[in-house]
N, C-alpha and C. Protein backbone atom coordinates (compact mmCIF):
# COMPACT_ATOMS: atom_id res chain seq x y z
N MET A 1 5.99 -6.58 3.60
CA MET A 1 5.51 -7.33 2.46
C MET A 1 6.47 -7.08 1.30
N VAL A 2 6.61 -8.07 0.43
CA VAL A 2 7.47 -7.91 -0.75
C VAL A 2 6.61 -7.89 -2.01
N LEU A 3 7.17 -7.35 -3.07
CA LEU A 3 6.43 -7.16 -4.32
C LEU A 3 5.94 -8.48 -4.91
N SER A 4 6.65 -9.55 -4.70
CA SER A 4 6.23 -10.85 -5.24
C SER A 4 4.96 -11.38 -4.57
N ASP A 5 4.58 -10.84 -3.41
CA ASP A 5 3.37 -11.28 -2.69
C ASP A 5 2.12 -10.50 -3.09
N VAL A 6 2.27 -9.44 -3.87
CA VAL A 6 1.14 -8.57 -4.22
C VAL A 6 0.29 -9.25 -5.30
N LEU A 7 -1.02 -9.16 -5.16
CA LEU A 7 -1.94 -9.77 -6.11
C LEU A 7 -2.23 -8.84 -7.28
N PRO A 8 -2.61 -9.39 -8.44
CA PRO A 8 -2.93 -8.55 -9.59
C PRO A 8 -4.06 -7.56 -9.27
N GLY A 9 -3.91 -6.33 -9.75
CA GLY A 9 -4.90 -5.30 -9.51
C GLY A 9 -4.62 -4.44 -8.29
N GLU A 10 -3.67 -4.85 -7.46
CA GLU A 10 -3.34 -4.09 -6.26
C GLU A 10 -2.26 -3.05 -6.56
N THR A 11 -2.35 -1.92 -5.88
CA THR A 11 -1.37 -0.86 -6.00
C THR A 11 -0.62 -0.74 -4.69
N VAL A 12 0.70 -0.68 -4.79
CA VAL A 12 1.56 -0.58 -3.60
C VAL A 12 2.60 0.50 -3.82
N ARG A 13 3.29 0.86 -2.74
CA ARG A 13 4.37 1.85 -2.81
C ARG A 13 5.67 1.16 -2.37
N ILE A 14 6.73 1.37 -3.13
CA ILE A 14 8.03 0.77 -2.81
C ILE A 14 8.63 1.44 -1.58
N VAL A 15 9.09 0.62 -0.64
CA VAL A 15 9.74 1.10 0.57
C VAL A 15 11.26 1.03 0.42
N SER A 16 11.75 -0.12 -0.04
CA SER A 16 13.19 -0.28 -0.24
C SER A 16 13.46 -1.34 -1.30
N VAL A 17 14.64 -1.23 -1.89
CA VAL A 17 15.06 -2.18 -2.92
C VAL A 17 16.29 -2.91 -2.40
N GLY A 18 16.18 -4.23 -2.30
CA GLY A 18 17.27 -5.04 -1.80
C GLY A 18 18.14 -5.55 -2.94
N GLY A 19 18.84 -6.63 -2.68
CA GLY A 19 19.76 -7.16 -3.68
C GLY A 19 21.12 -6.53 -3.52
N GLU A 20 22.05 -7.01 -4.30
CA GLU A 20 23.41 -6.49 -4.20
C GLU A 20 23.98 -6.21 -5.58
N GLY A 21 24.87 -5.27 -5.64
CA GLY A 21 25.65 -5.00 -6.84
C GLY A 21 24.83 -4.67 -8.08
N ALA A 22 25.12 -5.40 -9.15
CA ALA A 22 24.52 -5.14 -10.45
C ALA A 22 23.01 -5.34 -10.45
N LEU A 23 22.51 -6.32 -9.70
CA LEU A 23 21.07 -6.57 -9.65
C LEU A 23 20.35 -5.37 -9.05
N ARG A 24 20.82 -4.87 -7.93
CA ARG A 24 20.19 -3.72 -7.29
C ARG A 24 20.24 -2.50 -8.21
N ARG A 25 21.37 -2.26 -8.84
CA ARG A 25 21.53 -1.12 -9.75
C ARG A 25 20.55 -1.23 -10.92
N ARG A 26 20.38 -2.45 -11.46
CA ARG A 26 19.46 -2.67 -12.58
C ARG A 26 18.02 -2.38 -12.17
N LEU A 27 17.62 -2.84 -10.99
CA LEU A 27 16.26 -2.58 -10.51
C LEU A 27 16.02 -1.07 -10.34
N LEU A 28 16.99 -0.38 -9.76
CA LEU A 28 16.86 1.06 -9.58
C LEU A 28 16.83 1.79 -10.93
N ASP A 29 17.64 1.36 -11.87
CA ASP A 29 17.67 1.97 -13.20
C ASP A 29 16.35 1.80 -13.95
N MET A 30 15.63 0.72 -13.66
CA MET A 30 14.34 0.48 -14.31
C MET A 30 13.21 1.32 -13.68
N GLY A 31 13.53 2.12 -12.68
CA GLY A 31 12.54 2.98 -12.06
C GLY A 31 11.93 2.44 -10.78
N LEU A 32 12.41 1.30 -10.32
CA LEU A 32 11.91 0.71 -9.08
C LEU A 32 12.65 1.33 -7.90
N THR A 33 12.30 2.57 -7.59
CA THR A 33 12.96 3.32 -6.53
C THR A 33 12.00 3.53 -5.37
N PRO A 34 12.53 3.77 -4.17
CA PRO A 34 11.65 4.02 -3.02
C PRO A 34 10.67 5.16 -3.28
N ARG A 35 9.47 5.02 -2.73
CA ARG A 35 8.35 5.96 -2.84
C ARG A 35 7.66 5.94 -4.19
N THR A 36 8.02 5.01 -5.07
CA THR A 36 7.35 4.87 -6.37
C THR A 36 6.10 4.02 -6.20
N THR A 37 5.00 4.46 -6.81
CA THR A 37 3.75 3.71 -6.79
C THR A 37 3.77 2.70 -7.93
N VAL A 38 3.41 1.45 -7.60
CA VAL A 38 3.45 0.35 -8.57
C VAL A 38 2.12 -0.38 -8.57
N LEU A 39 1.56 -0.59 -9.78
CA LEU A 39 0.36 -1.40 -9.94
C LEU A 39 0.78 -2.74 -10.51
N VAL A 40 0.37 -3.83 -9.86
CA VAL A 40 0.64 -5.17 -10.39
C VAL A 40 -0.49 -5.46 -11.39
N ARG A 41 -0.15 -5.49 -12.67
CA ARG A 41 -1.17 -5.67 -13.72
C ARG A 41 -1.58 -7.12 -13.86
N LYS A 42 -0.60 -8.00 -14.01
CA LYS A 42 -0.93 -9.42 -14.15
C LYS A 42 0.27 -10.29 -13.83
N ILE A 43 -0.06 -11.56 -13.58
CA ILE A 43 0.96 -12.56 -13.29
C ILE A 43 0.84 -13.65 -14.35
N ALA A 44 1.95 -14.11 -14.88
CA ALA A 44 1.94 -15.14 -15.91
C ALA A 44 1.26 -16.41 -15.38
N PRO A 45 0.69 -17.22 -16.27
CA PRO A 45 -0.03 -18.43 -15.85
C PRO A 45 0.78 -19.37 -14.95
N MET A 46 2.08 -19.46 -15.17
CA MET A 46 2.90 -20.32 -14.33
C MET A 46 3.44 -19.59 -13.10
N GLY A 47 3.05 -18.32 -12.92
CA GLY A 47 3.44 -17.56 -11.74
C GLY A 47 4.66 -16.68 -11.91
N ASP A 48 5.37 -16.81 -13.01
CA ASP A 48 6.60 -16.04 -13.21
C ASP A 48 6.74 -15.74 -14.69
N PRO A 49 6.90 -14.54 -15.13
CA PRO A 49 7.15 -13.28 -14.44
C PRO A 49 5.85 -12.54 -14.08
N ILE A 50 6.02 -11.33 -13.52
CA ILE A 50 4.87 -10.48 -13.22
C ILE A 50 5.01 -9.18 -14.02
N GLU A 51 3.85 -8.63 -14.40
CA GLU A 51 3.83 -7.38 -15.16
C GLU A 51 3.41 -6.24 -14.25
N LEU A 52 4.21 -5.17 -14.24
CA LEU A 52 3.97 -4.02 -13.40
C LEU A 52 3.69 -2.79 -14.25
N CYS A 53 2.99 -1.85 -13.68
CA CYS A 53 2.78 -0.56 -14.32
C CYS A 53 3.29 0.50 -13.34
N LEU A 54 4.29 1.28 -13.78
CA LEU A 54 4.85 2.32 -12.93
C LEU A 54 5.42 3.42 -13.80
N ARG A 55 5.36 4.63 -13.30
CA ARG A 55 5.95 5.79 -13.99
C ARG A 55 5.51 5.93 -15.44
N GLY A 56 4.28 5.48 -15.75
CA GLY A 56 3.75 5.64 -17.09
C GLY A 56 4.18 4.58 -18.08
N TYR A 57 4.81 3.51 -17.64
CA TYR A 57 5.16 2.42 -18.56
C TYR A 57 4.96 1.08 -17.89
N GLU A 58 5.01 0.03 -18.69
CA GLU A 58 4.82 -1.33 -18.18
C GLU A 58 6.17 -2.04 -18.15
N LEU A 59 6.37 -2.81 -17.10
CA LEU A 59 7.63 -3.49 -16.87
C LEU A 59 7.33 -4.92 -16.43
N THR A 60 8.07 -5.85 -16.97
CA THR A 60 7.94 -7.26 -16.57
C THR A 60 9.23 -7.68 -15.88
N ILE A 61 9.09 -8.23 -14.67
CA ILE A 61 10.27 -8.70 -13.93
C ILE A 61 10.03 -10.11 -13.39
N ARG A 62 11.12 -10.79 -13.10
CA ARG A 62 11.06 -12.13 -12.55
C ARG A 62 10.60 -12.09 -11.10
N LEU A 63 9.97 -13.15 -10.67
CA LEU A 63 9.48 -13.26 -9.30
C LEU A 63 10.63 -13.19 -8.29
N ASP A 64 11.77 -13.78 -8.61
CA ASP A 64 12.94 -13.72 -7.72
C ASP A 64 13.39 -12.28 -7.49
N ASP A 65 13.36 -11.47 -8.55
CA ASP A 65 13.75 -10.07 -8.42
C ASP A 65 12.70 -9.29 -7.62
N ALA A 66 11.43 -9.58 -7.85
CA ALA A 66 10.35 -8.90 -7.13
C ALA A 66 10.40 -9.20 -5.64
N ALA A 67 10.92 -10.36 -5.27
CA ALA A 67 11.01 -10.75 -3.86
C ALA A 67 12.04 -9.91 -3.10
N LYS A 68 12.87 -9.18 -3.81
CA LYS A 68 13.89 -8.34 -3.17
C LYS A 68 13.41 -6.90 -2.94
N ILE A 69 12.17 -6.61 -3.33
CA ILE A 69 11.63 -5.25 -3.23
C ILE A 69 10.57 -5.20 -2.14
N GLN A 70 10.85 -4.44 -1.09
CA GLN A 70 9.92 -4.26 0.03
C GLN A 70 8.88 -3.21 -0.37
N VAL A 71 7.61 -3.51 -0.12
CA VAL A 71 6.53 -2.57 -0.46
C VAL A 71 5.58 -2.42 0.73
N THR A 72 4.76 -1.38 0.65
CA THR A 72 3.72 -1.17 1.64
C THR A 72 2.42 -0.86 0.91
N ASP A 73 1.32 -1.08 1.59
CA ASP A 73 0.00 -0.81 1.00
C ASP A 73 -0.09 0.67 0.64
N GLU A 74 -0.64 0.97 -0.51
CA GLU A 74 -0.76 2.34 -1.01
C GLU A 74 -1.53 3.24 -0.03
N LYS A 75 -2.45 2.69 0.71
CA LYS A 75 -3.30 3.49 1.60
C LYS A 75 -2.59 3.97 2.85
N GLU A 76 -1.48 3.36 3.19
CA GLU A 76 -0.78 3.72 4.44
C GLU A 76 -0.05 5.02 4.31
């Protein structure tokens, strides 16, 4: 499953971060690293962007970027 498929209110754990070059580096620098727990707080009315809560702060990212992040259910 990818982060862009997660519904608001769900908590997931990052498995891997895709993308290439500067995009991947930017995602990792923002704290979106493997084994990080992420709560999807809300999705904008038009579906893009999404607001995440991780590592004690809130982050908003584009849906295209979220589609490059593989996640798993927090319970697994």
